PDB file of N, CA and C in Angstrom:
ATOM      1  N   MET A   1      76.186 144.767  -2.729  1.00  0.00           N
ATOM      2  CA  MET A   1      75.926 144.455  -1.572  1.00  0.00           C
ATOM      3  C   MET A   1      74.771 145.062  -1.111  1.00  0.00           C
ATOM      4  N   LYS A   2      74.029 144.544   0.191  1.00  0.00           N
ATOM      5  CA  LYS A   2      72.759 144.969   0.733  1.00  0.00           C
ATOM      6  C   LYS A   2      73.277 145.702   1.813  1.00  0.00           C
ATOM      7  N   VAL A   3      72.912 147.113   1.759  1.00  0.00           N
ATOM      8  CA  VAL A   3      73.560 147.965   3.380  1.00  0.00           C
ATOM      9  C   VAL A   3      72.281 148.789   3.894  1.00  0.00           C
ATOM     10  N   ARG A   4      72.605 148.886   5.038  1.00  0.00           N
ATOM     11  CA  ARG A   4      71.304 149.674   5.894  1.00  0.00           C
ATOM     12  C   ARG A   4      71.393 151.009   5.487  1.00  0.00           C
ATOM     13  N   LEU A   5      70.724 152.170   5.118  1.00  0.00           N
ATOM     14  CA  LEU A   5      70.716 153.259   5.318  1.00  0.00           C
ATOM     15  C   LEU A   5      69.759 153.827   6.657  1.00  0.00           C
ATOM     16  N   ARG A   6      70.531 155.122   7.305  1.00  0.00           N
ATOM     17  CA  ARG A   6      69.411 155.572   7.952  1.00  0.00           C
ATOM     18  C   ARG A   6      69.847 157.383   8.113  1.00  0.00           C
ATOM     19  N   TYR A   7      68.729 158.168   8.346  1.00  0.00           N
ATOM     20  CA  TYR A   7      68.693 159.394   8.070  1.00  0.00           C
ATOM     21  C   TYR A   7      68.087 160.249   9.238  1.00  0.00           C
ATOM     22  N   PHE A   8      68.683 161.164   9.200  1.00  0.00           N
ATOM     23  CA  PHE A   8      68.848 161.827  10.761  1.00  0.00           C
ATOM     24  C   PHE A   8      68.297 163.465  10.437  1.00  0.00           C
ATOM     25  N   ALA A   9      67.145 163.768  11.308  1.00  0.00           N
ATOM     26  CA  ALA A   9      66.996 165.543  11.344  1.00  0.00           C
ATOM     27  C   ALA A   9      66.441 166.101   9.935  1.00  0.00           C
ATOM     28  N   SER A  10      67.163 167.002   9.466  1.00  0.00           N
ATOM     29  CA  SER A  10      66.804 167.573   8.262  1.00  0.00           C
ATOM     30  C   SER A  10      66.737 166.671   7.056  1.00  0.00           C
ATOM     31  N   VAL A  11      67.661 165.666   7.144  1.00  0.00           N
ATOM     32  CA  VAL A  11      68.003 164.646   5.787  1.00  0.00           C
ATOM     33  C   VAL A  11      66.660 163.829   6.065  1.00  0.00           C
ATOM     34  N   ARG A  12      66.671 163.333   7.038  1.00  0.00           N
ATOM     35  CA  ARG A  12      65.263 162.253   7.222  1.00  0.00           C
ATOM     36  C   ARG A  12      63.973 162.923   6.537  1.00  0.00           C
ATOM     37  N   GLU A  13      63.816 164.379   7.130  1.00  0.00           N
ATOM     38  CA  GLU A  13      62.415 165.117   6.525  1.00  0.00           C
ATOM     39  C   GLU A  13      62.457 165.336   5.215  1.00  0.00           C
ATOM     40  N   ALA A  14      63.596 165.755   4.348  1.00  0.00           N
ATOM     41  CA  ALA A  14      63.919 165.765   3.203  1.00  0.00           C
ATOM     42  C   ALA A  14      63.807 164.175   2.512  1.00  0.00           C
ATOM     43  N   MET A  15      64.048 163.232   3.158  1.00  0.00           N
ATOM     44  CA  MET A  15      63.833 162.092   2.541  1.00  0.00           C
ATOM     45  C   MET A  15      62.514 161.564   2.579  1.00  0.00           C
ATOM     46  N   GLY A  16      61.665 161.686   3.657  1.00  0.00           N
ATOM     47  CA  GLY A  16      60.456 161.314   4.148  1.00  0.00           C
ATOM     48  C   GLY A  16      60.387 159.929   4.359  1.00  0.00           C
ATOM     49  N   ARG A  17      61.631 159.718   5.353  1.00  0.00           N
ATOM     50  CA  ARG A  17      61.840 158.308   5.983  1.00  0.00           C
ATOM     51  C   ARG A  17      62.861 158.447   6.844  1.00  0.00           C
ATOM     52  N   GLY A  18      62.823 157.612   7.527  1.00  0.00           N
ATOM     53  CA  GLY A  18      64.270 157.532   8.497  1.00  0.00           C
ATOM     54  C   GLY A  18      64.994 156.349   8.093  1.00  0.00           C
ATOM     55  N   SER A  19      64.755 155.822   7.261  1.00  0.00           N
ATOM     56  CA  SER A  19      66.063 154.321   7.102  1.00  0.00           C
ATOM     57  C   SER A  19      65.163 153.422   5.739  1.00  0.00           C
ATOM     58  N   GLU A  20      66.213 152.896   5.437  1.00  0.00           N
ATOM     59  CA  GLU A  20      66.313 152.081   4.299  1.00  0.00           C
ATOM     60  C   GLU A  20      67.007 151.089   4.248  1.00  0.00           C
ATOM     61  N   GLU A  21      66.977 149.843   3.206  1.00  0.00           N
ATOM     62  CA  GLU A  21      67.774 149.059   3.157  1.00  0.00           C
ATOM     63  C   GLU A  21      68.182 149.451   1.249  1.00  0.00           C
ATOM     64  N   ARG A  22      69.329 149.165   0.823  1.00  0.00           N
ATOM     65  CA  ARG A  22      69.771 149.159  -0.117  1.00  0.00           C
ATOM     66  C   ARG A  22      70.777 148.187  -0.862  1.00  0.00           C
ATOM     67  N   ASP A  23      70.813 147.815  -2.283  1.00  0.00           N
ATOM     68  CA  ASP A  23      71.699 147.332  -2.855  1.00  0.00           C
ATOM     69  C   ASP A  23      72.452 148.526  -3.515  1.00  0.00           C
ATOM     70  N   THR A  24      73.776 148.193  -3.279  1.00  0.00           N
ATOM     71  CA  THR A  24      74.515 149.267  -4.107  1.00  0.00           C
ATOM     72  C   THR A  24      75.936 148.161  -4.388  1.00  0.00           C
ATOM     73  N   GLY A  25      76.338 149.154  -5.602  1.00  0.00           N
ATOM     74  CA  GLY A  25      77.787 148.662  -5.907  1.00  0.00           C
ATOM     75  C   GLY A  25      78.818 149.535  -5.567  1.00  0.00           C
ATOM     76  N   ALA A  26      78.413 150.303  -4.583  1.00  0.00           N
ATOM     77  CA  ALA A  26      79.658 151.173  -4.160  1.00  0.00           C
ATOM     78  C   ALA A  26      80.610 150.672  -3.312  1.00  0.00           C
ATOM     79  N   ALA A  27      81.954 150.994  -3.270  1.00  0.00           N
ATOM     80  CA  ALA A  27      82.982 150.366  -2.745  1.00  0.00           C
ATOM     81  C   ALA A  27      83.237 151.468  -0.921  1.00  0.00           C
ATOM     82  N   THR A  28      83.032 152.247  -1.081  1.00  0.00           N
ATOM     83  CA  THR A  28      83.347 153.716  -0.294  1.00  0.00           C
ATOM     84  C   THR A  28      82.097 154.551   0.240  1.00  0.00           C
ATOM     85  N   LEU A  29      82.124 155.157   1.607  1.00  0.00           N
ATOM     86  CA  LEU A  29      80.907 155.961   2.039  1.00  0.00           C
ATOM     87  C   LEU A  29      81.106 156.672   0.653  1.00  0.00           C
ATOM     88  N   GLU A  30      82.053 157.571   0.453  1.00  0.00           N
ATOM     89  CA  GLU A  30      81.545 159.073  -0.613  1.00  0.00           C
ATOM     90  C   GLU A  30      81.237 158.176  -1.898  1.00  0.00           C
ATOM     91  N   ALA A  31      81.441 157.045  -2.192  1.00  0.00           N
ATOM     92  CA  ALA A  31      80.868 156.470  -3.630  1.00  0.00           C
ATOM     93  C   ALA A  31      79.634 156.334  -3.274  1.00  0.00           C
ATOM     94  N   LEU A  32      79.054 155.521  -2.134  1.00  0.00           N
ATOM     95  CA  LEU A  32      77.615 155.245  -1.877  1.00  0.00           C
ATOM     96  C   LEU A  32      77.333 156.747  -1.683  1.00  0.00           C
ATOM     97  N   ARG A  33      77.479 157.807  -1.279  1.00  0.00           N
ATOM     98  CA  ARG A  33      76.780 158.823  -1.585  1.00  0.00           C
ATOM     99  C   ARG A  33      76.633 159.583  -2.502  1.00  0.00           C
ATOM    100  N   SER A  34      77.503 159.723  -3.594  1.00  0.00           N
ATOM    101  CA  SER A  34      77.397 159.810  -4.619  1.00  0.00           C
ATOM    102  C   SER A  34      76.342 158.910  -5.847  1.00  0.00           C
ATOM    103  N   GLU A  35      76.627 157.712  -5.286  1.00  0.00           N
ATOM    104  CA  GLU A  35      75.462 156.920  -6.118  1.00  0.00           C
ATOM    105  C   GLU A  35      74.148 157.541  -6.118  1.00  0.00           C
ATOM    106  N   LEU A  36      73.577 157.666  -4.547  1.00  0.00           N
ATOM    107  CA  LEU A  36      72.459 158.082  -3.707  1.00  0.00           C
ATOM    108  C   LEU A  36      72.333 159.583  -4.643  1.00  0.00           C
ATOM    109  N   ARG A  37      73.210 160.119  -4.762  1.00  0.00           N
ATOM    110  CA  ARG A  37      72.814 161.356  -5.171  1.00  0.00           C
ATOM    111  C   ARG A  37      72.342 161.408  -6.661  1.00  0.00           C
ATOM    112  N   SER A  38      72.977 160.438  -7.560  1.00  0.00           N
ATOM    113  CA  SER A  38      72.642 160.542  -8.971  1.00  0.00           C
ATOM    114  C   SER A  38      71.172 159.900  -9.107  1.00  0.00           C
ATOM    115  N   LEU A  39      70.475 159.498  -7.966  1.00  0.00           N
ATOM    116  CA  LEU A  39      69.099 158.730  -7.885  1.00  0.00           C
ATOM    117  C   LEU A  39      68.047 159.749  -8.597  1.00  0.00           C
ATOM    118  N   GLY A  40      68.414 161.215  -8.470  1.00  0.00           N
ATOM    119  CA  GLY A  40      67.631 162.069  -8.198  1.00  0.00           C
ATOM    120  C   GLY A  40      67.097 162.780  -7.181  1.00  0.00           C
ATOM    121  N   GLU A  41      66.001 163.377  -6.940  1.00  0.00           N
ATOM    122  CA  GLU A  41      65.255 163.481  -6.101  1.00  0.00           C
ATOM    123  C   GLU A  41      64.696 162.271  -5.340  1.00  0.00           C
ATOM    124  N   PRO A  42      64.470 162.482  -4.241  1.00  0.00           N
ATOM    125  CA  PRO A  42      64.789 163.621  -3.055  1.00  0.00           C
ATOM    126  C   PRO A  42      66.597 163.059  -2.426  1.00  0.00           C
ATOM    127  N   TYR A  43      66.987 162.228  -3.062  1.00  0.00           N
ATOM    128  CA  TYR A  43      68.813 162.155  -2.620  1.00  0.00           C
ATOM    129  C   TYR A  43      69.344 163.094  -3.043  1.00  0.00           C
ATOM    130  N   ALA A  44      69.294 163.505  -4.473  1.00  0.00           N
ATOM    131  CA  ALA A  44      70.282 164.812  -4.122  1.00  0.00           C
ATOM    132  C   ALA A  44      69.819 166.200  -3.779  1.00  0.00           C
ATOM    133  N   GLN A  45      68.899 166.410  -3.458  1.00  0.00           N
ATOM    134  CA  GLN A  45      68.836 167.139  -2.557  1.00  0.00           C
ATOM    135  C   GLN A  45      69.300 167.119  -1.052  1.00  0.00           C
ATOM    136  N   ALA A  46      68.644 166.334  -0.649  1.00  0.00           N
ATOM    137  CA  ALA A  46      68.997 165.516   0.990  1.00  0.00           C
ATOM    138  C   ALA A  46      70.664 165.206   1.132  1.00  0.00           C
ATOM    139  N   LEU A  47      71.146 165.043   0.147  1.00  0.00           N
ATOM    140  CA  LEU A  47      72.792 164.196   0.158  1.00  0.00           C
ATOM    141  C   LEU A  47      73.863 165.347  -0.626  1.00  0.00           C
ATOM    142  N   GLY A  48      73.392 166.220  -1.207  1.00  0.00           N
ATOM    143  CA  GLY A  48      73.971 167.158  -1.803  1.00  0.00           C
ATOM    144  C   GLY A  48      74.940 168.079  -1.300  1.00  0.00           C
ATOM    145  N   ASP A  49      74.464 168.218   0.019  1.00  0.00           N
ATOM    146  CA  ASP A  49      75.453 169.450   0.817  1.00  0.00           C
ATOM    147  C   ASP A  49      76.239 168.946   1.421  1.00  0.00           C
ATOM    148  N   LYS A  50      77.556 169.556   1.137  1.00  0.00           N
ATOM    149  CA  LYS A  50      79.014 168.986   1.086  1.00  0.00           C
ATOM    150  C   LYS A  50      79.127 168.892   2.760  1.00  0.00           C
ATOM    151  N   ALA A  51      78.309 169.290   3.684  1.00  0.00           N
ATOM    152  CA  ALA A  51      78.275 169.505   5.285  1.00  0.00           C
ATOM    153  C   ALA A  51      77.592 168.453   5.578  1.00  0.00           C
ATOM    154  N   VAL A  52      76.914 167.393   4.855  1.00  0.00           N
ATOM    155  CA  VAL A  52      76.285 166.531   5.585  1.00  0.00           C
ATOM    156  C   VAL A  52      77.196 165.144   5.750  1.00  0.00           C
ATOM    157  N   ARG A  53      77.094 164.696   7.525  1.00  0.00           N
ATOM    158  CA  ARG A  53      78.112 163.860   7.892  1.00  0.00           C
ATOM    159  C   ARG A  53      77.342 162.752   7.607  1.00  0.00           C
ATOM    160  N   MET A  54      78.714 161.837   7.904  1.00  0.00           N
ATOM    161  CA  MET A  54      78.243 160.423   7.663  1.00  0.00           C
ATOM    162  C   MET A  54      78.592 159.590   8.648  1.00  0.00           C
ATOM    163  N   ALA A  55      78.205 158.203   8.745  1.00  0.00           N
ATOM    164  CA  ALA A  55      78.648 157.845  10.065  1.00  0.00           C
ATOM    165  C   ALA A  55      78.577 155.984   9.317  1.00  0.00           C
ATOM    166  N   LEU A  56      79.617 155.505   9.676  1.00  0.00           N
ATOM    167  CA  LEU A  56      79.758 153.701   9.345  1.00  0.00           C
ATOM    168  C   LEU A  56      79.531 153.210  10.382  1.00  0.00           C
ATOM    169  N   ASP A  57      78.413 152.282  10.907  1.00  0.00           N
ATOM    170  CA  ASP A  57      78.476 151.261  12.022  1.00  0.00           C
ATOM    171  C   ASP A  57      78.446 152.315  13.121  1.00  0.00           C
ATOM    172  N   GLN A  58      77.831 152.924  13.171  1.00  0.00           N
ATOM    173  CA  GLN A  58      77.836 153.853  14.642  1.00  0.00           C
ATOM    174  C   GLN A  58      79.197 154.806  14.808  1.00  0.00           C
ATOM    175  N   VAL A  59      79.996 154.936  13.778  1.00  0.00           N
ATOM    176  CA  VAL A  59      81.179 155.335  14.151  1.00  0.00           C
ATOM    177  C   VAL A  59      81.260 156.913  13.325  1.00  0.00           C
ATOM    178  N   MET A  60      81.546 157.900  13.765  1.00  0.00           N
ATOM    179  CA  MET A  60      81.516 159.285  12.954  1.00  0.00           C
ATOM    180  C   MET A  60      82.577 159.149  11.817  1.00  0.00           C
ATOM    181  N   ALA A  61      82.295 159.476  10.541  1.00  0.00           N
ATOM    182  CA  ALA A  61      83.240 159.188   9.330  1.00  0.00           C
ATOM    183  C   ALA A  61      84.235 160.573   9.538  1.00  0.00           C
ATOM    184  N   GLU A  62      85.445 160.521   9.189  1.00  0.00           N
ATOM    185  CA  GLU A  62      86.060 161.990   9.097  1.00  0.00           C
ATOM    186  C   GLU A  62      86.275 162.337   7.789  1.00  0.00           C
ATOM    187  N   ALA A  63      86.364 161.037   6.707  1.00  0.00           N
ATOM    188  CA  ALA A  63      86.492 161.246   5.176  1.00  0.00           C
ATOM    189  C   ALA A  63      85.686 159.910   4.430  1.00  0.00           C
ATOM    190  N   GLY A  64      85.621 160.277   3.573  1.00  0.00           N
ATOM    191  CA  GLY A  64      84.598 159.363   3.062  1.00  0.00           C
ATOM    192  C   GLY A  64      85.143 157.896   2.182  1.00  0.00           C
ATOM    193  N   ASP A  65      86.360 157.855   2.574  1.00  0.00           N
ATOM    194  CA  ASP A  65      87.019 156.763   2.163  1.00  0.00           C
ATOM    195  C   ASP A  65      86.971 155.305   2.695  1.00  0.00           C
ATOM    196  N   GLN A  66      86.382 155.647   3.769  1.00  0.00           N
ATOM    197  CA  GLN A  66      86.043 154.066   4.554  1.00  0.00           C
ATOM    198  C   GLN A  66      85.489 153.128   3.334  1.00  0.00           C
ATOM    199  N   PRO A  67      86.071 151.568   3.735  1.00  0.00           N
ATOM    200  CA  PRO A  67      85.437 150.766   2.808  1.00  0.00           C
ATOM    201  C   PRO A  67      83.951 150.063   3.583  1.00  0.00           C
ATOM    202  N   LEU A  68      83.156 150.100   2.396  1.00  0.00           N
ATOM    203  CA  LEU A  68      81.579 149.703   3.010  1.00  0.00           C
ATOM    204  C   LEU A  68      81.827 148.028   2.986  1.00  0.00           C
ATOM    205  N   ARG A  69      81.059 147.461   3.794  1.00  0.00           N
ATOM    206  CA  ARG A  69      80.851 145.440   3.768  1.00  0.00           C
ATOM    207  C   ARG A  69      79.479 145.712   3.504  1.00  0.00           C
ATOM    208  N   GLU A  70      79.107 144.277   3.181  1.00  0.00           N
ATOM    209  CA  GLU A  70      78.007 143.729   3.034  1.00  0.00           C
ATOM    210  C   GLU A  70      76.804 143.655   4.539  1.00  0.00           C
ATOM    211  N   GLY A  71      75.785 144.538   4.721  1.00  0.00           N
ATOM    212  CA  GLY A  71      75.098 144.674   5.906  1.00  0.00           C
ATOM    213  C   GLY A  71      75.355 145.862   6.780  1.00  0.00           C
ATOM    214  N   CYS A  72      76.645 146.585   6.346  1.00  0.00           N
ATOM    215  CA  CYS A  72      76.831 147.808   7.421  1.00  0.00           C
ATOM    216  C   CYS A  72      75.650 148.907   7.078  1.00  0.00           C
ATOM    217  N   GLU A  73      75.975 149.626   8.037  1.00  0.00           N
ATOM    218  CA  GLU A  73      75.037 150.609   8.493  1.00  0.00           C
ATOM    219  C   GLU A  73      75.656 152.049   8.303  1.00  0.00           C
ATOM    220  N   VAL A  74      75.103 152.800   6.910  1.00  0.00           N
ATOM    221  CA  VAL A  74      75.411 154.041   6.828  1.00  0.00           C
ATOM    222  C   VAL A  74      74.285 154.957   7.218  1.00  0.00           C
ATOM    223  N   ALA A  75      75.126 156.042   8.229  1.00  0.00           N
ATOM    224  CA  ALA A  75      74.131 156.992   8.931  1.00  0.00           C
ATOM    225  C   ALA A  75      74.481 158.518   8.091  1.00  0.00           C
ATOM    226  N   PHE A  76      73.309 159.248   7.749  1.00  0.00           N
ATOM    227  CA  PHE A  76      73.760 160.687   7.154  1.00  0.00           C
ATOM    228  C   PHE A  76      72.764 161.803   8.100  1.00  0.00           C
ATOM    229  N   PHE A  77      73.685 162.772   8.436  1.00  0.00           N
ATOM    230  CA  PHE A  77      73.294 163.675   9.261  1.00  0.00           C
ATOM    231  C   PHE A  77      73.561 164.941   8.833  1.00  0.00           C
ATOM    232  N   PRO A  78      72.723 165.871   9.264  1.00  0.00           N
ATOM    233  CA  PRO A  78      73.173 167.476   8.455  1.00  0.00           C
ATOM    234  C   PRO A  78      74.037 168.235   9.730  1.00  0.00           C
ATOM    235  N   PRO A  79      74.693 169.167   9.317  1.00  0.00           N
ATOM    236  CA  PRO A  79      75.654 169.599   9.963  1.00  0.00           C
ATOM    237  C   PRO A  79      75.205 169.983  11.542  1.00  0.00           C
ATOM    238  N   VAL A  80      75.596 170.449  12.450  1.00  0.00           N
ATOM    239  CA  VAL A  80      75.215 170.377  13.978  1.00  0.00           C
ATOM    240  C   VAL A  80      75.676 171.637  14.313  1.00  0.00           C
ATOM    241  N   THR A  81      74.950 172.335  14.629  1.00  0.00           N
ATOM    242  CA  THR A  81      75.331 173.975  15.256  1.00  0.00           C
ATOM    243  C   THR A  81      75.022 173.921  16.947  1.00  0.00           C
ATOM    244  N   GLY A  82      75.595 174.708  17.776  1.00  0.00           N
ATOM    245  CA  GLY A  82      75.060 174.711  18.827  1.00  0.00           C
ATOM    246  C   GLY A  82      75.595 175.718  19.451  1.00  0.00           C
ATOM    247  N   GLY A  83      75.303 176.040  21.065  1.00  0.00           N
ATOM    248  CA  GLY A  83      75.594 177.180  21.676  1.00  0.00           C
ATOM    249  C   GLY A  83      75.695 176.950  23.019  1.00  0.00           C
TER     250      GLY A  83
END
């Protein structure tokens, strides 16, 4: 299936781009993240941190078990600090 990937902040910097479309065989968010990390650099560096947050169709994911669907948008965010 084809999915749209979006990268933000330091993840975007590590990836060298803000978005891309990709074909995937992954069924869930975490499976997609794992598939991307297995591609090597820059994916492994940008998505290897366990603190990276994910959103599916603009809704923040609490866990990685959400199912993907054709044409969905998956976004990756670094951890956010504030004060």
